[in-house]
Amino acid sequence: MALYKINLEIMPIQSVLDPQGEAIEVSLKNLDKIKASNFRVGKRIEFKVEAPNKEKCKEITNKLCKDFLVNEVIEKYTFTIKNEKK
C-alpha cells in the first residue's frame, strides 16, 4: 500500500453569504490605501490516506469529503493528492 498526502480546500459556494469574508471587507473600508474586495473565507485540511493506488486514494478522499468533511449544500471542495514516503 502506498501513502498519499491530501490537501483539501473547502469554500462556501457563491450563492451562500460568507460572514467572515464580509467582516474582512467591512474592516478594510477604513484603510484608504488598500483596495481589495470579494473575500471568501474557507478551510484547508491536510491528511494522509493509505491506498493501493492513486485512483483508489481519490475514491476514498471523495467519500470522506461527501460523508464527513464537506456540507455540499453550502460548500464546494477541491483536493490534490501527492505521493508520500512511508
C-alpha atoms as a PDB file:
ATOM      1  CA  MET A   1       0.000   0.000   0.000  1.00  0.00           C
ATOM      2  CA  ALA A   2       1.154   3.498  -0.806  1.00  0.00           C
ATOM      3  CA  LEU A   3       0.760   6.553   1.402  1.00  0.00           C
ATOM      4  CA  TYR A   4      -0.688   9.743  -0.110  1.00  0.00           C
ATOM      5  CA  LYS A   5      -0.845  13.271   1.269  1.00  0.00           C
ATOM      6  CA  ILE A   6      -4.145  15.071   0.655  1.00  0.00           C
ATOM      7  CA  ASN A   7      -4.548  18.853   0.615  1.00  0.00           C
ATOM      8  CA  LEU A   8      -8.269  19.594   0.742  1.00  0.00           C
ATOM      9  CA  GLU A   9      -9.689  23.087   0.192  1.00  0.00           C
ATOM     10  CA  ILE A  10     -13.303  23.802   1.141  1.00  0.00           C
ATOM     11  CA  MET A  11     -15.025  27.049   0.161  1.00  0.00           C
ATOM     12  CA  PRO A  12     -18.558  28.367   0.532  1.00  0.00           C
ATOM     13  CA  ILE A  13     -20.486  28.270  -2.744  1.00  0.00           C
ATOM     14  CA  GLN A  14     -21.030  31.673  -4.386  1.00  0.00           C
ATOM     15  CA  SER A  15     -24.738  31.849  -3.546  1.00  0.00           C
ATOM     16  CA  VAL A  16     -24.066  31.472   0.196  1.00  0.00           C
ATOM     17  CA  LEU A  17     -23.421  34.532   2.352  1.00  0.00           C
ATOM     18  CA  ASP A  18     -19.890  34.450   3.763  1.00  0.00           C
ATOM     19  CA  PRO A  19     -19.950  36.373   7.081  1.00  0.00           C
ATOM     20  CA  GLN A  20     -16.189  36.067   7.605  1.00  0.00           C
ATOM     21  CA  GLY A  21     -15.476  37.439   4.140  1.00  0.00           C
ATOM     22  CA  GLU A  22     -17.958  40.268   4.759  1.00  0.00           C
ATOM     23  CA  ALA A  23     -16.254  41.108   8.072  1.00  0.00           C
ATOM     24  CA  ILE A  24     -12.880  41.413   6.320  1.00  0.00           C
ATOM     25  CA  GLU A  25     -14.330  43.774   3.703  1.00  0.00           C
ATOM     26  CA  VAL A  26     -16.002  45.946   6.345  1.00  0.00           C
ATOM     27  CA  SER A  27     -12.722  46.182   8.268  1.00  0.00           C
ATOM     28  CA  LEU A  28     -10.772  47.159   5.145  1.00  0.00           C
ATOM     29  CA  LYS A  29     -13.123  50.020   4.267  1.00  0.00           C
ATOM     30  CA  ASN A  30     -11.378  52.047   6.968  1.00  0.00           C
ATOM     31  CA  LEU A  31      -7.992  51.639   5.247  1.00  0.00           C
ATOM     32  CA  ASP A  32      -7.788  54.097   2.350  1.00  0.00           C
ATOM     33  CA  LYS A  33      -4.617  52.722   0.771  1.00  0.00           C
ATOM     34  CA  ILE A  34      -5.771  49.116   0.378  1.00  0.00           C
ATOM     35  CA  LYS A  35      -8.203  48.285  -2.405  1.00  0.00           C
ATOM     36  CA  ALA A  36      -9.282  44.653  -2.038  1.00  0.00           C
ATOM     37  CA  SER A  37     -12.702  43.048  -2.279  1.00  0.00           C
ATOM     38  CA  ASN A  38     -14.726  39.857  -2.787  1.00  0.00           C
ATOM     39  CA  PHE A  39     -13.219  37.982   0.145  1.00  0.00           C
ATOM     40  CA  ARG A  40     -14.357  34.382   0.614  1.00  0.00           C
ATOM     41  CA  VAL A  41     -13.103  32.504   3.671  1.00  0.00           C
ATOM     42  CA  GLY A  42     -12.790  28.727   3.570  1.00  0.00           C
ATOM     43  CA  LYS A  43     -10.945  25.839   5.195  1.00  0.00           C
ATOM     44  CA  ARG A  44      -7.855  23.841   4.338  1.00  0.00           C
ATOM     45  CA  ILE A  45      -7.486  20.330   5.701  1.00  0.00           C
ATOM     46  CA  GLU A  46      -4.369  18.168   5.308  1.00  0.00           C
ATOM     47  CA  PHE A  47      -4.362  14.436   5.945  1.00  0.00           C
ATOM     48  CA  LYS A  48      -2.859  11.156   4.703  1.00  0.00           C
ATOM     49  CA  VAL A  49      -4.557   8.198   3.072  1.00  0.00           C
ATOM     50  CA  GLU A  50      -3.163   4.702   2.659  1.00  0.00           C
ATOM     51  CA  ALA A  51      -4.371   3.103  -0.583  1.00  0.00           C
ATOM     52  CA  PRO A  52      -3.162   0.601  -3.201  1.00  0.00           C
ATOM     53  CA  ASN A  53      -3.018   3.289  -5.933  1.00  0.00           C
ATOM     54  CA  LYS A  54      -3.786   6.931  -6.662  1.00  0.00           C
ATOM     55  CA  GLU A  55      -7.195   6.184  -8.213  1.00  0.00           C
ATOM     56  CA  LYS A  56      -8.333   4.340  -5.074  1.00  0.00           C
ATOM     57  CA  CYS A  57      -6.969   7.194  -2.959  1.00  0.00           C
ATOM     58  CA  LYS A  58      -9.089   9.635  -4.972  1.00  0.00           C
ATOM     59  CA  GLU A  59     -12.152   7.447  -4.423  1.00  0.00           C
ATOM     60  CA  ILE A  60     -11.512   7.270  -0.657  1.00  0.00           C
ATOM     61  CA  THR A  61     -10.923  11.027  -0.427  1.00  0.00           C
ATOM     62  CA  ASN A  62     -14.145  11.814  -2.307  1.00  0.00           C
ATOM     63  CA  LYS A  63     -16.064   9.512   0.042  1.00  0.00           C
ATOM     64  CA  LEU A  64     -14.562  11.204   3.118  1.00  0.00           C
ATOM     65  CA  CYS A  65     -15.486  14.612   1.708  1.00  0.00           C
ATOM     66  CA  LYS A  66     -19.050  13.690   0.824  1.00  0.00           C
ATOM     67  CA  ASP A  67     -19.759  11.704   4.010  1.00  0.00           C
ATOM     68  CA  PHE A  68     -17.890  13.672   6.703  1.00  0.00           C
ATOM     69  CA  LEU A  69     -15.875  16.743   5.762  1.00  0.00           C
ATOM     70  CA  VAL A  70     -17.952  18.862   3.367  1.00  0.00           C
ATOM     71  CA  ASN A  71     -21.520  20.136   3.523  1.00  0.00           C
ATOM     72  CA  GLU A  72     -22.235  20.131  -0.216  1.00  0.00           C
ATOM     73  CA  VAL A  73     -25.405  22.167   0.262  1.00  0.00           C
ATOM     74  CA  ILE A  74     -23.311  25.245   1.120  1.00  0.00           C
ATOM     75  CA  GLU A  75     -19.700  24.253   0.298  1.00  0.00           C
ATOM     76  CA  LYS A  76     -17.615  23.115  -2.659  1.00  0.00           C
ATOM     77  CA  TYR A  77     -14.273  21.346  -2.464  1.00  0.00           C
ATOM     78  CA  THR A  78     -11.117  20.540  -4.394  1.00  0.00           C
ATOM     79  CA  PHE A  79      -8.131  18.461  -3.393  1.00  0.00           C
ATOM     80  CA  THR A  80      -4.684  17.465  -4.527  1.00  0.00           C
ATOM     81  CA  ILE A  81      -3.003  14.115  -3.975  1.00  0.00           C
ATOM     82  CA  LYS A  82       0.765  13.754  -3.579  1.00  0.00           C
ATOM     83  CA  ASN A  83       2.797  10.607  -3.081  1.00  0.00           C
ATOM     84  CA  GLU A  84       4.185  10.427   0.446  1.00  0.00           C
ATOM     85  CA  LYS A  85       7.104   8.361   1.674  1.00  0.00           C
ATOM     86  CA  LYS A  86       6.189   5.893   4.411  1.00  0.00           C
END
